[in-house]
Amino acid sequence: MQSAEGWRSILENWPESIPKQGIVVTTFQESIPFQNFLLSSGIVLFERDKPDSLGARKVMLSYEAISAIKLADTLELARYQVMGFQPAM
């Protein structure tokens, strides 16, 4: 599976029990904090809780431009199994 497809799958199937907030790291080496997001077929619209240095509160980013998503919550790892993650065997 290509990484763009993986990110799209994770974002499309994000469970209600896990907050839609974190930090998306782009292939441009930019870290973008977000508090919510909306999806389209090729682009994610991330919403910031505070504007960036240019005043932007929303960022449109292609799935291909996502390098990582960081999560600051303190949920147990087992809660992420609904997103397809499994313990190592």
PDB file of N, CA and C in Angstrom:
ATOM      1  N   MET A   1       0.855  -1.183   0.000  1.00  0.00           N
ATOM      2  CA  MET A   1       0.000   0.000   0.000  1.00  0.00           C
ATOM      3  C   MET A   1       0.895   1.239   0.000  1.00  0.00           C
ATOM      4  N   GLN A   2       0.610   2.159  -0.874  1.00  0.00           N
ATOM      5  CA  GLN A   2       1.361   3.404  -0.901  1.00  0.00           C
ATOM      6  C   GLN A   2       0.971   4.256   0.303  1.00  0.00           C
ATOM      7  N   SER A   3       1.876   5.132   0.723  1.00  0.00           N
ATOM      8  CA  SER A   3       1.613   5.920   1.928  1.00  0.00           C
ATOM      9  C   SER A   3       0.395   6.825   1.771  1.00  0.00           C
ATOM     10  N   ALA A   4       0.169   7.397   0.584  1.00  0.00           N
ATOM     11  CA  ALA A   4      -1.000   8.259   0.386  1.00  0.00           C
ATOM     12  C   ALA A   4      -2.288   7.479   0.625  1.00  0.00           C
ATOM     13  N   GLU A   5      -2.345   6.248   0.148  1.00  0.00           N
ATOM     14  CA  GLU A   5      -3.525   5.407   0.359  1.00  0.00           C
ATOM     15  C   GLU A   5      -3.685   5.056   1.837  1.00  0.00           C
ATOM     16  N   GLY A   6      -2.566   4.827   2.502  1.00  0.00           N
ATOM     17  CA  GLY A   6      -2.608   4.520   3.937  1.00  0.00           C
ATOM     18  C   GLY A   6      -3.145   5.690   4.750  1.00  0.00           C
ATOM     19  N   TRP A   7      -2.642   6.898   4.451  1.00  0.00           N
ATOM     20  CA  TRP A   7      -3.137   8.086   5.165  1.00  0.00           C
ATOM     21  C   TRP A   7      -4.611   8.308   4.882  1.00  0.00           C
ATOM     22  N   ARG A   8      -4.996   8.147   3.649  1.00  0.00           N
ATOM     23  CA  ARG A   8      -6.408   8.342   3.295  1.00  0.00           C
ATOM     24  C   ARG A   8      -7.290   7.349   4.052  1.00  0.00           C
ATOM     25  N   SER A   9      -6.866   6.106   4.118  1.00  0.00           N
ATOM     26  CA  SER A   9      -7.637   5.082   4.828  1.00  0.00           C
ATOM     27  C   SER A   9      -7.760   5.407   6.314  1.00  0.00           C
ATOM     28  N   ILE A  10      -6.656   5.812   6.928  1.00  0.00           N
ATOM     29  CA  ILE A  10      -6.689   6.153   8.353  1.00  0.00           C
ATOM     30  C   ILE A  10      -7.612   7.339   8.606  1.00  0.00           C
ATOM     31  N   LEU A  11      -7.494   8.378   7.797  1.00  0.00           N
ATOM     32  CA  LEU A  11      -8.314   9.575   8.004  1.00  0.00           C
ATOM     33  C   LEU A  11      -9.791   9.309   7.710  1.00  0.00           C
ATOM     34  N   GLU A  12     -10.084   8.512   6.684  1.00  0.00           N
ATOM     35  CA  GLU A  12     -11.483   8.200   6.354  1.00  0.00           C
ATOM     36  C   GLU A  12     -12.148   7.359   7.436  1.00  0.00           C
ATOM     37  N   ASN A  13     -11.368   6.549   8.117  1.00  0.00           N
ATOM     38  CA  ASN A  13     -11.925   5.626   9.113  1.00  0.00           C
ATOM     39  C   ASN A  13     -11.615   6.045  10.541  1.00  0.00           C
ATOM     40  N   TRP A  14     -11.326   7.325  10.738  1.00  0.00           N
ATOM     41  CA  TRP A  14     -11.002   7.842  12.066  1.00  0.00           C
ATOM     42  C   TRP A  14     -12.211   7.632  12.985  1.00  0.00           C
ATOM     43  N   PRO A  15     -12.057   6.897  14.085  1.00  0.00           N
ATOM     44  CA  PRO A  15     -13.194   6.613  14.963  1.00  0.00           C
ATOM     45  C   PRO A  15     -13.607   7.834  15.787  1.00  0.00           C
ATOM     46  N   GLU A  16     -14.885   7.900  16.101  1.00  0.00           N
ATOM     47  CA  GLU A  16     -15.426   9.003  16.908  1.00  0.00           C
ATOM     48  C   GLU A  16     -14.808   9.032  18.304  1.00  0.00           C
ATOM     49  N   SER A  17     -14.353   7.891  18.795  1.00  0.00           N
ATOM     50  CA  SER A  17     -13.817   7.809  20.155  1.00  0.00           C
ATOM     51  C   SER A  17     -12.420   8.414  20.304  1.00  0.00           C
ATOM     52  N   ILE A  18     -11.778   8.737  19.191  1.00  0.00           N
ATOM     53  CA  ILE A  18     -10.439   9.339  19.234  1.00  0.00           C
ATOM     54  C   ILE A  18     -10.540  10.765  18.716  1.00  0.00           C
ATOM     55  N   PRO A  19     -10.081  11.752  19.493  1.00  0.00           N
ATOM     56  CA  PRO A  19     -10.188  13.150  19.056  1.00  0.00           C
ATOM     57  C   PRO A  19      -9.472  13.393  17.728  1.00  0.00           C
ATOM     58  N   LYS A  20     -10.099  14.191  16.871  1.00  0.00           N
ATOM     59  CA  LYS A  20      -9.507  14.538  15.573  1.00  0.00           C
ATOM     60  C   LYS A  20      -8.575  15.725  15.744  1.00  0.00           C
ATOM     61  N   GLN A  21      -7.513  15.495  16.500  1.00  0.00           N
ATOM     62  CA  GLN A  21      -6.553  16.563  16.725  1.00  0.00           C
ATOM     63  C   GLN A  21      -5.157  15.980  16.825  1.00  0.00           C
ATOM     64  N   GLY A  22      -4.183  16.780  16.435  1.00  0.00           N
ATOM     65  CA  GLY A  22      -2.801  16.345  16.475  1.00  0.00           C
ATOM     66  C   GLY A  22      -1.938  17.313  15.690  1.00  0.00           C
ATOM     67  N   ILE A  23      -0.857  16.789  15.156  1.00  0.00           N
ATOM     68  CA  ILE A  23       0.060  17.582  14.351  1.00  0.00           C
ATOM     69  C   ILE A  23       0.374  16.775  13.100  1.00  0.00           C
ATOM     70  N   VAL A  24       0.085  17.337  11.937  1.00  0.00           N
ATOM     71  CA  VAL A  24       0.441  16.673  10.689  1.00  0.00           C
ATOM     72  C   VAL A  24       1.803  17.212  10.251  1.00  0.00           C
ATOM     73  N   VAL A  25       2.691  16.292   9.904  1.00  0.00           N
ATOM     74  CA  VAL A  25       4.012  16.651   9.401  1.00  0.00           C
ATOM     75  C   VAL A  25       3.993  16.416   7.897  1.00  0.00           C
ATOM     76  N   THR A  26       4.386  17.427   7.150  1.00  0.00           N
ATOM     77  CA  THR A  26       4.318  17.334   5.694  1.00  0.00           C
ATOM     78  C   THR A  26       5.659  16.916   5.097  1.00  0.00           C
ATOM     79  N   THR A  27       5.621  16.532   3.849  1.00  0.00           N
ATOM     80  CA  THR A  27       6.855  16.222   3.125  1.00  0.00           C
ATOM     81  C   THR A  27       7.675  17.479   2.882  1.00  0.00           C
ATOM     82  N   PHE A  28       7.104  18.653   3.164  1.00  0.00           N
ATOM     83  CA  PHE A  28       7.824  19.926   3.065  1.00  0.00           C
ATOM     84  C   PHE A  28       8.532  20.261   4.381  1.00  0.00           C
ATOM     85  N   GLN A  29       8.512  19.312   5.340  1.00  0.00           N
ATOM     86  CA  GLN A  29       9.119  19.471   6.664  1.00  0.00           C
ATOM     87  C   GLN A  29       8.410  20.526   7.516  1.00  0.00           C
ATOM     88  N   GLU A  30       7.120  20.715   7.293  1.00  0.00           N
ATOM     89  CA  GLU A  30       6.331  21.650   8.090  1.00  0.00           C
ATOM     90  C   GLU A  30       5.461  20.856   9.057  1.00  0.00           C
ATOM     91  N   SER A  31       5.369  21.316  10.296  1.00  0.00           N
ATOM     92  CA  SER A  31       4.490  20.707  11.293  1.00  0.00           C
ATOM     93  C   SER A  31       3.272  21.602  11.460  1.00  0.00           C
ATOM     94  N   ILE A  32       2.083  21.023  11.251  1.00  0.00           N
ATOM     95  CA  ILE A  32       0.843  21.794  11.285  1.00  0.00           C
ATOM     96  C   ILE A  32      -0.073  21.219  12.367  1.00  0.00           C
ATOM     97  N   PRO A  33      -0.271  21.954  13.470  1.00  0.00           N
ATOM     98  CA  PRO A  33      -1.227  21.485  14.470  1.00  0.00           C
ATOM     99  C   PRO A  33      -2.651  21.585  13.916  1.00  0.00           C
ATOM    100  N   PHE A  34      -3.488  20.590  14.232  1.00  0.00           N
ATOM    101  CA  PHE A  34      -4.873  20.642  13.771  1.00  0.00           C
ATOM    102  C   PHE A  34      -5.812  20.204  14.879  1.00  0.00           C
ATOM    103  N   GLN A  35      -7.068  20.687  14.773  1.00  0.00           N
ATOM    104  CA  GLN A  35      -8.090  20.314  15.751  1.00  0.00           C
ATOM    105  C   GLN A  35      -9.275  19.604  15.101  1.00  0.00           C
ATOM    106  N   ASN A  36      -9.268  19.520  13.774  1.00  0.00           N
ATOM    107  CA  ASN A  36     -10.331  18.834  13.038  1.00  0.00           C
ATOM    108  C   ASN A  36      -9.902  18.744  11.592  1.00  0.00           C
ATOM    109  N   PHE A  37     -10.603  17.934  10.791  1.00  0.00           N
ATOM    110  CA  PHE A  37     -10.297  17.854   9.369  1.00  0.00           C
ATOM    111  C   PHE A  37     -11.517  17.388   8.589  1.00  0.00           C
ATOM    112  N   LEU A  38     -11.526  17.729   7.305  1.00  0.00           N
ATOM    113  CA  LEU A  38     -12.528  17.269   6.348  1.00  0.00           C
ATOM    114  C   LEU A  38     -11.789  16.618   5.184  1.00  0.00           C
ATOM    115  N   LEU A  39     -12.438  15.653   4.526  1.00  0.00           N
ATOM    116  CA  LEU A  39     -11.791  14.878   3.476  1.00  0.00           C
ATOM    117  C   LEU A  39     -12.443  15.084   2.121  1.00  0.00           C
ATOM    118  N   SER A  40     -11.642  15.005   1.076  1.00  0.00           N
ATOM    119  CA  SER A  40     -12.145  14.898  -0.289  1.00  0.00           C
ATOM    120  C   SER A  40     -11.376  13.751  -0.938  1.00  0.00           C
ATOM    121  N   SER A  41     -11.593  13.523  -2.205  1.00  0.00           N
ATOM    122  CA  SER A  41     -10.966  12.370  -2.845  1.00  0.00           C
ATOM    123  C   SER A  41      -9.443  12.451  -2.881  1.00  0.00           C
ATOM    124  N   GLY A  42      -8.866  13.645  -2.952  1.00  0.00           N
ATOM    125  CA  GLY A  42      -7.418  13.757  -3.053  1.00  0.00           C
ATOM    126  C   GLY A  42      -6.774  14.720  -2.085  1.00  0.00           C
ATOM    127  N   ILE A  43      -7.592  15.437  -1.293  1.00  0.00           N
ATOM    128  CA  ILE A  43      -7.067  16.488  -0.429  1.00  0.00           C
ATOM    129  C   ILE A  43      -7.753  16.442   0.936  1.00  0.00           C
ATOM    130  N   VAL A  44      -6.983  16.748   1.973  1.00  0.00           N
ATOM    131  CA  VAL A  44      -7.514  16.873   3.329  1.00  0.00           C
ATOM    132  C   VAL A  44      -7.512  18.354   3.693  1.00  0.00           C
ATOM    133  N   LEU A  45      -8.594  18.812   4.304  1.00  0.00           N
ATOM    134  CA  LEU A  45      -8.677  20.183   4.807  1.00  0.00           C
ATOM    135  C   LEU A  45      -8.497  20.104   6.318  1.00  0.00           C
ATOM    136  N   PHE A  46      -7.328  20.554   6.795  1.00  0.00           N
ATOM    137  CA  PHE A  46      -7.036  20.561   8.228  1.00  0.00           C
ATOM    138  C   PHE A  46      -7.388  21.920   8.805  1.00  0.00           C
ATOM    139  N   GLU A  47      -7.998  21.909   9.988  1.00  0.00           N
ATOM    140  CA  GLU A  47      -8.366  23.140  10.679  1.00  0.00           C
ATOM    141  C   GLU A  47      -7.442  23.344  11.874  1.00  0.00           C
ATOM    142  N   ARG A  48      -6.852  24.528  11.940  1.00  0.00           N
ATOM    143  CA  ARG A  48      -5.993  24.895  13.070  1.00  0.00           C
ATOM    144  C   ARG A  48      -6.841  25.530  14.163  1.00  0.00           C
ATOM    145  N   ASP A  49      -6.403  25.441  15.411  1.00  0.00           N
ATOM    146  CA  ASP A  49      -7.108  26.142  16.486  1.00  0.00           C
ATOM    147  C   ASP A  49      -6.625  27.585  16.601  1.00  0.00           C
ATOM    148  N   LYS A  50      -5.417  27.855  16.105  1.00  0.00           N
ATOM    149  CA  LYS A  50      -4.871  29.214  16.093  1.00  0.00           C
ATOM    150  C   LYS A  50      -4.314  29.487  14.700  1.00  0.00           C
ATOM    151  N   PRO A  51      -4.356  30.724  14.243  1.00  0.00           N
ATOM    152  CA  PRO A  51      -3.795  31.015  12.919  1.00  0.00           C
ATOM    153  C   PRO A  51      -2.273  30.857  12.909  1.00  0.00           C
ATOM    154  N   ASP A  52      -1.728  30.542  11.731  1.00  0.00           N
ATOM    155  CA  ASP A  52      -0.273  30.489  11.610  1.00  0.00           C
ATOM    156  C   ASP A  52       0.286  31.899  11.478  1.00  0.00           C
ATOM    157  N   SER A  53       1.567  32.030  11.197  1.00  0.00           N
ATOM    158  CA  SER A  53       2.206  33.351  11.151  1.00  0.00           C
ATOM    159  C   SER A  53       1.660  34.241  10.039  1.00  0.00           C
ATOM    160  N   LEU A  54       0.976  33.646   9.052  1.00  0.00           N
ATOM    161  CA  LEU A  54       0.378  34.426   7.968  1.00  0.00           C
ATOM    162  C   LEU A  54      -1.123  34.633   8.169  1.00  0.00           C
ATOM    163  N   GLY A  55      -1.670  34.117   9.264  1.00  0.00           N
ATOM    164  CA  GLY A  55      -3.083  34.297   9.571  1.00  0.00           C
ATOM    165  C   GLY A  55      -3.983  33.179   9.078  1.00  0.00           C
ATOM    166  N   ALA A  56      -3.414  32.128   8.500  1.00  0.00           N
ATOM    167  CA  ALA A  56      -4.224  31.022   7.964  1.00  0.00           C
ATOM    168  C   ALA A  56      -4.683  30.089   9.080  1.00  0.00           C
ATOM    169  N   ARG A  57      -5.957  29.733   9.067  1.00  0.00           N
ATOM    170  CA  ARG A  57      -6.520  28.783  10.033  1.00  0.00           C
ATOM    171  C   ARG A  57      -6.843  27.431   9.414  1.00  0.00           C
ATOM    172  N   LYS A  58      -6.818  27.351   8.095  1.00  0.00           N
ATOM    173  CA  LYS A  58      -7.126  26.099   7.394  1.00  0.00           C
ATOM    174  C   LYS A  58      -5.977  25.801   6.426  1.00  0.00           C
ATOM    175  N   VAL A  59      -5.696  24.508   6.231  1.00  0.00           N
ATOM    176  CA  VAL A  59      -4.645  24.073   5.320  1.00  0.00           C
ATOM    177  C   VAL A  59      -5.194  22.937   4.469  1.00  0.00           C
ATOM    178  N   MET A  60      -5.101  23.060   3.149  1.00  0.00           N
ATOM    179  CA  MET A  60      -5.464  21.980   2.244  1.00  0.00           C
ATOM    180  C   MET A  60      -4.183  21.260   1.858  1.00  0.00           C
ATOM    181  N   LEU A  61      -4.171  19.950   2.052  1.00  0.00           N
ATOM    182  CA  LEU A  61      -2.959  19.174   1.860  1.00  0.00           C
ATOM    183  C   LEU A  61      -3.297  17.872   1.144  1.00  0.00           C
ATOM    184  N   SER A  62      -2.522  17.530   0.132  1.00  0.00           N
ATOM    185  CA  SER A  62      -2.756  16.262  -0.557  1.00  0.00           C
ATOM    186  C   SER A  62      -2.323  15.107   0.350  1.00  0.00           C
ATOM    187  N   TYR A  63      -2.907  13.951   0.150  1.00  0.00           N
ATOM    188  CA  TYR A  63      -2.525  12.775   0.936  1.00  0.00           C
ATOM    189  C   TYR A  63      -1.049  12.446   0.721  1.00  0.00           C
ATOM    190  N   GLU A  64      -0.557  12.680  -0.502  1.00  0.00           N
ATOM    191  CA  GLU A  64       0.840  12.408  -0.824  1.00  0.00           C
ATOM    192  C   GLU A  64       1.801  13.292  -0.042  1.00  0.00           C
ATOM    193  N   ALA A  65       1.347  14.461   0.392  1.00  0.00           N
ATOM    194  CA  ALA A  65       2.210  15.404   1.113  1.00  0.00           C
ATOM    195  C   ALA A  65       2.263  15.138   2.612  1.00  0.00           C
ATOM    196  N   ILE A  66       1.519  14.146   3.088  1.00  0.00           N
ATOM    197  CA  ILE A  66       1.551  13.808   4.513  1.00  0.00           C
ATOM    198  C   ILE A  66       2.706  12.848   4.765  1.00  0.00           C
ATOM    199  N   SER A  67       3.581  13.233   5.686  1.00  0.00           N
ATOM    200  CA  SER A  67       4.718  12.404   6.053  1.00  0.00           C
ATOM    201  C   SER A  67       4.442  11.653   7.359  1.00  0.00           C
ATOM    202  N   ALA A  68       3.754  12.330   8.296  1.00  0.00           N
ATOM    203  CA  ALA A  68       3.444  11.723   9.593  1.00  0.00           C
ATOM    204  C   ALA A  68       2.294  12.485  10.239  1.00  0.00           C
ATOM    205  N   ILE A  69       1.629  11.832  11.169  1.00  0.00           N
ATOM    206  CA  ILE A  69       0.633  12.490  12.017  1.00  0.00           C
ATOM    207  C   ILE A  69       1.014  12.178  13.456  1.00  0.00           C
ATOM    208  N   LYS A  70       1.248  13.239  14.223  1.00  0.00           N
ATOM    209  CA  LYS A  70       1.600  13.100  15.632  1.00  0.00           C
ATOM    210  C   LYS A  70       0.350  13.318  16.473  1.00  0.00           C
ATOM    211  N   LEU A  71       0.200  12.514  17.517  1.00  0.00           N
ATOM    212  CA  LEU A  71      -0.951  12.611  18.403  1.00  0.00           C
ATOM    213  C   LEU A  71      -0.476  12.920  19.814  1.00  0.00           C
ATOM    214  N   ALA A  72      -1.081  13.908  20.441  1.00  0.00           N
ATOM    215  CA  ALA A  72      -0.666  14.327  21.777  1.00  0.00           C
ATOM    216  C   ALA A  72      -1.550  13.748  22.879  1.00  0.00           C
ATOM    217  N   ASP A  73      -2.598  13.017  22.496  1.00  0.00           N
ATOM    218  CA  ASP A  73      -3.495  12.503  23.532  1.00  0.00           C
ATOM    219  C   ASP A  73      -2.802  11.422  24.355  1.00  0.00           C
ATOM    220  N   THR A  74      -3.417  11.075  25.456  1.00  0.00           N
ATOM    221  CA  THR A  74      -2.835  10.094  26.370  1.00  0.00           C
ATOM    222  C   THR A  74      -3.606   8.778  26.379  1.00  0.00           C
ATOM    223  N   LEU A  75      -4.293   8.487  25.291  1.00  0.00           N
ATOM    224  CA  LEU A  75      -5.048   7.240  25.206  1.00  0.00           C
ATOM    225  C   LEU A  75      -4.103   6.035  25.183  1.00  0.00           C
ATOM    226  N   GLU A  76      -4.574   4.907  25.700  1.00  0.00           N
ATOM    227  CA  GLU A  76      -3.791   3.680  25.660  1.00  0.00           C
ATOM    228  C   GLU A  76      -3.675   3.205  24.217  1.00  0.00           C
ATOM    229  N   LEU A  77      -2.563   2.550  23.894  1.00  0.00           N
ATOM    230  CA  LEU A  77      -2.349   2.068  22.531  1.00  0.00           C
ATOM    231  C   LEU A  77      -3.471   1.149  22.046  1.00  0.00           C
ATOM    232  N   ALA A  78      -4.044   0.371  22.938  1.00  0.00           N
ATOM    233  CA  ALA A  78      -5.109  -0.560  22.556  1.00  0.00           C
ATOM    234  C   ALA A  78      -6.300   0.158  21.918  1.00  0.00           C
ATOM    235  N   ARG A  79      -6.530   1.417  22.278  1.00  0.00           N
ATOM    236  CA  ARG A  79      -7.653   2.169  21.716  1.00  0.00           C
ATOM    237  C   ARG A  79      -7.481   2.415  20.213  1.00  0.00           C
ATOM    238  N   TYR A  80      -6.258   2.331  19.715  1.00  0.00           N
ATOM    239  CA  TYR A  80      -5.983   2.583  18.297  1.00  0.00           C
ATOM    240  C   TYR A  80      -6.170   1.344  17.430  1.00  0.00           C
ATOM    241  N   GLN A  81      -6.489   0.231  18.034  1.00  0.00           N
ATOM    242  CA  GLN A  81      -6.711  -0.983  17.257  1.00  0.00           C
ATOM    243  C   GLN A  81      -7.898  -0.832  16.315  1.00  0.00           C
ATOM    244  N   VAL A  82      -8.849   0.013  16.655  1.00  0.00           N
ATOM    245  CA  VAL A  82      -9.984   0.231  15.761  1.00  0.00           C
ATOM    246  C   VAL A  82      -9.557   0.921  14.465  1.00  0.00           C
ATOM    247  N   MET A  83      -8.365   1.507  14.450  1.00  0.00           N
ATOM    248  CA  MET A  83      -7.828   2.153  13.246  1.00  0.00           C
ATOM    249  C   MET A  83      -6.995   1.176  12.411  1.00  0.00           C
ATOM    250  N   GLY A  84      -6.932  -0.076  12.837  1.00  0.00           N
ATOM    251  CA  GLY A  84      -6.198  -1.080  12.085  1.00  0.00           C
ATOM    252  C   GLY A  84      -4.843  -1.449  12.659  1.00  0.00           C
ATOM    253  N   PHE A  85      -4.436  -0.822  13.745  1.00  0.00           N
ATOM    254  CA  PHE A  85      -3.158  -1.129  14.361  1.00  0.00           C
ATOM    255  C   PHE A  85      -3.301  -2.356  15.257  1.00  0.00           C
ATOM    256  N   GLN A  86      -2.293  -3.223  15.223  1.00  0.00           N
ATOM    257  CA  GLN A  86      -2.324  -4.456  15.998  1.00  0.00           C
ATOM    258  C   GLN A  86      -1.011  -4.618  16.753  1.00  0.00           C
ATOM    259  N   PRO A  87      -1.034  -5.336  17.894  1.00  0.00           N
ATOM    260  CA  PRO A  87       0.214  -5.579  18.611  1.00  0.00           C
ATOM    261  C   PRO A  87       1.129  -6.481  17.799  1.00  0.00           C
ATOM    262  N   ALA A  88       2.429  -6.339  17.993  1.00  0.00           N
ATOM    263  CA  ALA A  88       3.400  -7.201  17.325  1.00  0.00           C
ATOM    264  C   ALA A  88       3.294  -8.613  17.872  1.00  0.00           C
ATOM    265  N   MET A  89       3.463  -9.550  17.011  1.00  0.00           N
ATOM    266  CA  MET A  89       3.380 -10.974  17.426  1.00  0.00           C
ATOM    267  C   MET A  89       4.754 -11.525  17.672  1.00  0.00           C
TER     268      MET A  89
END
